[in-house]
Amino acid sequence: MSEDERQDRAPVIDVTLVRRLVAKQFPQWAALPVKPVEHGGWDNRTFHLGDAMTVRLPSSRDYAEQVQKEQFWLPKLAAHLPLPIPAPLAMGIPDENYPWHWSVYKWLEGEVAKPERIGDLKQFAIDLAAFLAALQRADATDGPAPGAHNFYRGGPLTIYDGQTRQAIVALRGKIDTDAATAAWDAALDATWHGAPVWFHGDISFGNLLVKNGTLSAVIDFGTSGVGDPSCDLAIAWTFFHGESRGAFRAALPLDEATWVRGRGWTLWKALIVYAGLAGTNPLEAENSRKVLEEVLTDYELSTKNP
C-alpha cells in the first residue's frame, strides 16, 4: 500500500486503537482508563483518558492538517481569551495503526450547550459575543489563512456559489427560491475588505460548554484561522432568536456587511443540508429547514427596514 493510499484509508477509531497508541507513544499514561466521550464528534473522535485528559483523533485525512495547527496556535490564543479553550498536552504521531497526527488535551469541564442547560439565553449570547470579540482582537500575524485545512472558512463566499445555487434549484417547490437567491446574492455583494482577524470557524452549540447554566468554555478550533469573521455569526440564526439574537448582535462590533455575509454562510449550510447535498439524515434536514425559515425571514425584514 502506498503512503497516499494509507493516508486515504479511514482507520477504525475505537478504544482499542486509542489504548494502543497511548501505550506506545506515551507510556506514562498507559495505565489510565480510556472510554469514549458522550458526544465524540464527527470530524474527530474524542475519548476520555483518565479523569483529566482527552484523546482526539481526526476521522479522515480531510481533518488531519488541523491537529498541528491547533497544537501550535491554541496555547498562543488562550492568554487573550476570557474563557477556557482546549489546552494541548501532547501530540501523537502517525504509525502503522493510525496514519495521522493526533492530540492529547486537558479535559475541560462542562456540558454541551443545549438550550435546556442554559439559564439565561440573552446573557449566554452576550458572553459568547465577548469571547468572539476578544478572539478577533488577538494578534493575527502569520495566522493560518483560509484553505483546505478549514474548508475555506474565513474566505470569500464565492467558493460555495455553485453549490449554493445547485441546492436552491434542488429545493424548488419546497422553499421560496427567489428569496433564497436574493439573500445569497446580497451576501456575495457584501464584499469583505477588512484586515484578517482570528475566527473560530464552527461556532455551534456542540462546541460550546456550559456549567451552572452559563457559558464556560469553547472547544474544537479545527476550522479556525485568520480572515473574515462573518463565518462565526451563523449561530445568530441557528441557535439564537428574538432578544438573544439582538443581544448577540449588539455586543459584537461588526458592520452591517459582515452580518449580511454571516447570513450568507448560514444560508449556504442550511441549503446544502436541506437539499441533501451533504449526505444528511432526516432530522438534520428538518433542522436546516427551520434555519432557512429564520434566515429568509430575517432577510425579508432587512429589505423592509434597511
Protein backbone atom coordinates (compact mmCIF):
# COMPACT_ATOMS: atom_id res chain seq x y z
CA MET A 1 0.00 0.00 0.00
CA SER A 2 1.38 3.42 -0.99
CA GLU A 3 1.62 6.27 1.51
CA ASP A 4 -1.19 8.13 -0.27
CA GLU A 5 -3.41 5.04 -0.11
CA ARG A 6 -2.64 4.63 3.58
CA GLN A 7 -3.46 8.28 4.22
CA ASP A 8 -6.79 8.00 2.40
CA ARG A 9 -7.85 4.83 4.19
CA ALA A 10 -10.03 5.70 7.18
CA PRO A 11 -9.00 3.61 10.21
CA VAL A 12 -11.40 2.13 12.72
CA ILE A 13 -11.12 4.55 15.64
CA ASP A 14 -12.11 2.83 18.86
CA VAL A 15 -10.95 2.30 22.44
CA THR A 16 -8.58 -0.47 21.38
CA LEU A 17 -6.79 1.80 18.91
CA VAL A 18 -6.52 4.64 21.43
CA ARG A 19 -5.10 2.35 24.11
CA ARG A 20 -2.54 1.01 21.65
CA LEU A 21 -1.46 4.48 20.53
CA VAL A 22 -1.20 5.87 24.06
CA ALA A 23 0.72 2.85 25.37
CA LYS A 24 3.23 3.01 22.54
CA GLN A 25 3.79 6.77 22.31
CA PHE A 26 3.01 7.96 25.86
CA PRO A 27 3.73 5.02 28.16
CA GLN A 28 3.47 7.25 31.23
CA TRP A 29 -0.31 7.28 30.61
CA ALA A 30 -0.69 3.65 29.51
CA ALA A 31 -2.40 2.54 32.74
CA LEU A 32 -5.13 5.20 32.55
CA PRO A 33 -8.61 4.05 31.50
CA VAL A 34 -9.89 5.01 28.04
CA LYS A 35 -13.55 5.48 27.19
CA PRO A 36 -15.49 7.42 24.53
CA VAL A 37 -16.92 10.83 25.45
CA GLU A 38 -20.68 11.20 25.29
CA HIS A 39 -20.56 13.37 22.16
CA GLY A 40 -17.46 12.25 20.31
CA GLY A 41 -17.93 14.39 17.21
CA TRP A 42 -17.81 13.55 13.53
CA ASP A 43 -14.72 15.34 12.20
CA ASN A 44 -12.72 13.97 15.12
CA ARG A 45 -13.27 11.13 17.59
CA THR A 46 -12.73 12.03 21.24
CA PHE A 47 -12.03 9.76 24.21
CA HIS A 48 -11.53 10.25 27.92
CA LEU A 49 -8.01 9.41 29.07
CA GLY A 50 -8.23 9.03 32.81
CA ASP A 51 -10.14 11.80 34.60
CA ALA A 52 -8.16 14.82 33.45
CA MET A 53 -7.36 14.32 29.75
CA THR A 54 -8.90 13.60 26.37
CA VAL A 55 -7.52 12.00 23.23
CA ARG A 56 -8.69 13.48 19.94
CA LEU A 57 -8.14 11.77 16.60
CA PRO A 58 -9.11 13.05 13.13
CA SER A 59 -11.64 10.75 11.49
CA SER A 60 -10.30 11.27 7.97
CA ARG A 61 -7.48 12.86 6.01
CA ASP A 62 -9.66 15.96 5.47
CA TYR A 63 -9.21 16.91 9.13
CA ALA A 64 -5.65 15.72 9.69
CA GLU A 65 -3.99 19.10 8.99
CA GLN A 66 -5.95 20.67 11.83
CA VAL A 67 -4.01 18.84 14.54
CA GLN A 68 -0.69 20.62 14.17
CA LYS A 69 -2.48 23.94 13.68
CA GLU A 70 -4.30 23.57 16.99
CA GLN A 71 -1.18 22.34 18.77
CA PHE A 72 0.74 25.45 17.71
CA TRP A 73 -1.88 28.18 17.95
CA LEU A 74 -4.21 27.31 20.82
CA PRO A 75 -1.64 27.99 23.57
CA LYS A 76 -0.92 31.36 21.96
CA LEU A 77 -4.61 32.31 21.77
CA ALA A 78 -5.57 31.12 25.24
CA ALA A 79 -3.96 34.04 27.07
CA HIS A 80 -6.08 36.54 25.12
CA LEU A 81 -9.47 34.92 25.68
CA PRO A 82 -11.97 35.33 28.53
CA LEU A 83 -12.97 31.64 28.58
CA PRO A 84 -11.02 28.37 28.59
CA ILE A 85 -10.22 26.70 25.27
CA PRO A 86 -8.59 23.30 24.67
CA ALA A 87 -5.07 23.08 26.08
CA PRO A 88 -2.78 20.65 24.20
CA LEU A 89 -0.69 18.40 26.41
CA ALA A 90 0.94 16.20 23.77
CA MET A 91 0.83 15.40 20.06
CA GLY A 92 0.86 11.84 18.80
CA ILE A 93 2.49 10.91 15.52
CA PRO A 94 1.38 8.61 12.68
CA ASP A 95 2.27 4.93 12.92
CA GLU A 96 1.31 1.62 11.33
CA ASN A 97 -2.04 1.61 13.16
CA TYR A 98 -3.11 5.22 12.53
CA PRO A 99 -1.94 7.42 9.62
CA TRP A 100 -2.23 10.95 11.02
CA HIS A 101 -1.13 13.17 13.89
CA TRP A 102 -3.43 13.20 16.92
CA SER A 103 -3.71 15.09 20.20
CA VAL A 104 -3.93 14.74 23.95
CA TYR A 105 -5.73 17.63 25.63
CA LYS A 106 -6.54 18.71 29.15
CA TRP A 107 -10.13 17.80 29.96
CA LEU A 108 -12.48 20.79 30.08
CA GLU A 109 -15.37 20.57 32.50
CA GLY A 110 -18.85 21.36 31.22
CA GLU A 111 -21.77 20.05 29.21
CA VAL A 112 -22.73 20.71 25.60
CA ALA A 113 -24.77 23.92 25.46
CA LYS A 114 -28.22 22.56 24.81
CA PRO A 115 -30.98 25.17 25.35
CA GLU A 116 -32.38 23.44 28.43
CA ARG A 117 -28.97 23.68 30.14
CA ILE A 118 -28.68 27.47 29.70
CA GLY A 119 -30.01 29.64 32.48
CA ASP A 120 -30.32 32.96 30.60
CA LEU A 121 -30.02 32.73 26.81
CA LYS A 122 -29.62 36.50 26.41
CA GLN A 123 -26.67 36.58 28.81
CA PHE A 124 -25.25 33.48 27.14
CA ALA A 125 -25.38 35.37 23.80
CA ILE A 126 -23.62 38.38 25.33
CA ASP A 127 -20.90 36.17 26.85
CA LEU A 128 -20.33 34.41 23.53
CA ALA A 129 -20.11 37.74 21.73
CA ALA A 130 -17.49 38.90 24.25
CA PHE A 131 -15.47 35.76 23.57
CA LEU A 132 -15.61 36.26 19.79
CA ALA A 133 -14.73 39.95 20.10
CA ALA A 134 -11.66 39.02 22.17
CA LEU A 135 -10.71 36.35 19.63
CA GLN A 136 -10.94 38.93 16.83
CA ARG A 137 -8.63 41.26 18.77
CA ALA A 138 -5.90 38.61 19.15
CA ASP A 139 -2.76 39.14 17.08
CA ALA A 140 -3.41 37.56 13.68
CA THR A 141 0.17 37.88 12.41
CA ASP A 142 1.18 34.74 10.47
CA GLY A 143 -2.07 33.01 11.44
CA PRO A 144 -3.45 30.29 9.14
CA ALA A 145 -5.23 31.75 6.12
CA PRO A 146 -8.42 30.13 4.79
CA GLY A 147 -7.75 26.95 2.85
CA ALA A 148 -8.40 23.24 2.60
CA HIS A 149 -7.45 22.79 6.29
CA ASN A 150 -10.65 24.62 7.35
CA PHE A 151 -12.82 24.22 4.24
CA TYR A 152 -12.17 27.87 3.35
CA ARG A 153 -13.91 29.33 6.39
CA GLY A 154 -12.94 32.99 6.61
CA GLY A 155 -12.54 33.22 2.85
CA PRO A 156 -14.94 34.60 0.23
CA LEU A 157 -18.40 33.08 -0.07
CA THR A 158 -17.88 32.78 -3.81
CA ILE A 159 -16.13 29.44 -3.30
CA TYR A 160 -19.54 27.96 -2.45
CA ASP A 161 -21.55 29.84 -5.06
CA GLY A 162 -22.06 26.88 -7.40
CA GLN A 163 -23.01 24.52 -4.60
CA THR A 164 -25.47 27.03 -3.13
CA ARG A 165 -27.23 27.65 -6.43
CA GLN A 166 -27.40 23.92 -7.07
CA ALA A 167 -29.15 23.47 -3.72
CA ILE A 168 -31.60 26.29 -4.45
CA VAL A 169 -32.58 24.61 -7.73
CA ALA A 170 -32.96 21.26 -5.98
CA LEU A 171 -35.32 22.83 -3.42
CA ARG A 172 -37.67 24.44 -5.91
CA GLY A 173 -41.20 23.91 -4.63
CA LYS A 174 -40.02 23.43 -1.04
CA ILE A 175 -38.68 26.91 -0.27
CA ASP A 176 -39.02 30.44 -1.63
CA THR A 177 -36.23 30.12 -4.17
CA ASP A 178 -36.50 33.77 -5.24
CA ALA A 179 -35.92 34.95 -1.68
CA ALA A 180 -33.08 32.46 -1.19
CA THR A 181 -31.38 33.64 -4.38
CA ALA A 182 -31.80 37.29 -3.43
CA ALA A 183 -30.40 36.68 0.07
CA TRP A 184 -27.44 34.79 -1.39
CA ASP A 185 -26.74 37.49 -3.97
CA ALA A 186 -26.83 40.11 -1.21
CA ALA A 187 -24.25 38.13 0.77
CA LEU A 188 -21.96 37.86 -2.28
CA ASP A 189 -22.26 41.61 -2.87
CA ALA A 190 -21.28 42.42 0.74
CA THR A 191 -17.58 42.05 -0.05
CA TRP A 192 -15.17 41.97 2.87
CA HIS A 193 -12.31 44.49 2.80
CA GLY A 194 -11.03 44.33 6.37
CA ALA A 195 -7.72 43.19 7.80
CA PRO A 196 -7.60 39.46 8.66
CA VAL A 197 -8.73 38.61 12.19
CA TRP A 198 -8.96 35.35 14.12
CA PHE A 199 -12.17 33.35 13.82
CA HIS A 200 -13.27 30.02 15.27
CA GLY A 201 -14.98 28.70 12.14
CA ASP A 202 -17.58 26.43 13.77
CA ILE A 203 -19.45 28.28 16.48
CA SER A 204 -22.31 25.89 17.18
CA PHE A 205 -23.92 24.70 20.38
CA GLY A 206 -21.95 21.43 20.18
CA ASN A 207 -18.69 23.36 20.51
CA LEU A 208 -19.83 25.47 23.45
CA LEU A 209 -19.78 24.17 27.03
CA VAL A 210 -21.87 25.30 29.97
CA LYS A 211 -21.52 24.95 33.75
CA ASN A 212 -24.21 26.08 36.15
CA GLY A 213 -26.23 27.43 33.25
CA THR A 214 -23.56 29.76 31.87
CA LEU A 215 -21.02 29.60 29.05
CA SER A 216 -17.88 28.01 30.47
CA ALA A 217 -15.61 27.05 27.53
CA VAL A 218 -15.28 27.00 23.74
CA ILE A 219 -13.87 23.88 22.07
CA ASP A 220 -12.96 22.43 18.64
CA PHE A 221 -10.84 25.00 16.81
CA GLY A 222 -10.23 22.71 13.84
CA THR A 223 -11.73 25.15 11.33
CA SER A 224 -10.14 28.22 12.91
CA GLY A 225 -7.95 30.66 11.02
CA VAL A 226 -7.46 34.32 10.19
CA GLY A 227 -9.64 36.11 7.68
CA ASP A 228 -13.25 37.30 7.53
CA PRO A 229 -15.01 36.65 10.88
CA SER A 230 -18.50 36.50 9.38
CA CYS A 231 -18.48 32.69 9.40
CA ASP A 232 -18.70 32.84 13.21
CA LEU A 233 -22.09 34.58 13.09
CA ALA A 234 -24.22 31.65 11.92
CA ILE A 235 -25.26 30.87 15.49
CA ALA A 236 -27.33 34.06 15.41
CA TRP A 237 -29.80 32.18 13.18
CA THR A 238 -29.18 28.56 14.16
CA PHE A 239 -29.43 28.95 17.94
CA PHE A 240 -30.43 32.47 19.00
CA HIS A 241 -33.74 34.18 18.33
CA GLY A 242 -35.57 37.35 19.25
CA GLU A 243 -33.99 39.03 22.28
CA SER A 244 -30.95 36.73 22.42
CA ARG A 245 -30.18 37.29 18.73
CA GLY A 246 -30.45 41.03 19.22
CA ALA A 247 -28.18 40.91 22.25
CA PHE A 248 -25.59 38.84 20.38
CA ARG A 249 -25.56 41.31 17.50
CA ALA A 250 -25.45 44.39 19.72
CA ALA A 251 -22.48 43.01 21.67
CA LEU A 252 -20.30 42.43 18.58
CA PRO A 253 -18.57 45.46 16.99
CA LEU A 254 -19.17 44.42 13.36
CA ASP A 255 -20.54 46.35 10.41
CA GLU A 256 -23.75 45.58 8.53
CA ALA A 257 -21.94 43.96 5.61
CA THR A 258 -20.33 41.41 7.94
CA TRP A 259 -23.75 40.41 9.25
CA VAL A 260 -25.03 40.06 5.68
CA ARG A 261 -22.13 37.71 4.90
CA GLY A 262 -22.79 35.84 8.13
CA ARG A 263 -26.35 35.31 6.97
CA GLY A 264 -24.87 34.05 3.71
CA TRP A 265 -22.72 31.43 5.47
CA THR A 266 -25.80 30.27 7.36
CA LEU A 267 -27.87 30.16 4.19
CA TRP A 268 -25.25 28.09 2.32
CA LYS A 269 -25.02 25.44 5.04
CA ALA A 270 -28.77 25.20 5.61
CA LEU A 271 -29.44 24.90 1.87
CA ILE A 272 -26.97 22.12 1.17
CA VAL A 273 -28.10 20.13 4.20
CA TYR A 274 -31.81 20.53 3.43
CA ALA A 275 -31.19 19.64 -0.21
CA GLY A 276 -29.31 16.54 0.85
CA LEU A 277 -26.05 17.56 -0.80
CA ALA A 278 -24.13 16.83 2.40
CA GLY A 279 -25.42 13.28 2.89
CA THR A 280 -27.55 14.24 5.88
CA ASN A 281 -30.29 12.45 7.76
CA PRO A 282 -33.97 13.50 8.02
CA LEU A 283 -33.53 15.15 11.42
CA GLU A 284 -30.65 17.32 10.17
CA ALA A 285 -32.67 18.20 7.08
CA GLU A 286 -35.64 19.29 9.19
CA ASN A 287 -33.43 21.41 11.44
CA SER A 288 -31.96 23.05 8.35
CA ARG A 289 -35.43 23.79 7.02
CA LYS A 290 -36.18 25.70 10.22
CA VAL A 291 -32.90 27.60 9.94
CA LEU A 292 -33.78 28.54 6.36
CA GLU A 293 -37.06 29.99 7.59
CA GLU A 294 -35.19 32.09 10.15
CA VAL A 295 -32.65 33.30 7.60
CA LEU A 296 -35.16 34.17 4.89
CA THR A 297 -37.48 35.91 7.35
CA ASP A 298 -34.55 37.95 8.61
CA TYR A 299 -33.54 38.81 5.05
CA GLU A 300 -37.05 39.96 4.17
CA LEU A 301 -37.18 42.14 7.29
CA SER A 302 -33.83 43.68 6.33
CA THR A 303 -35.19 44.71 2.92
CA LYS A 304 -38.13 46.45 4.58
CA ASN A 305 -36.01 48.16 7.23
CA PRO A 306 -32.64 48.85 5.57
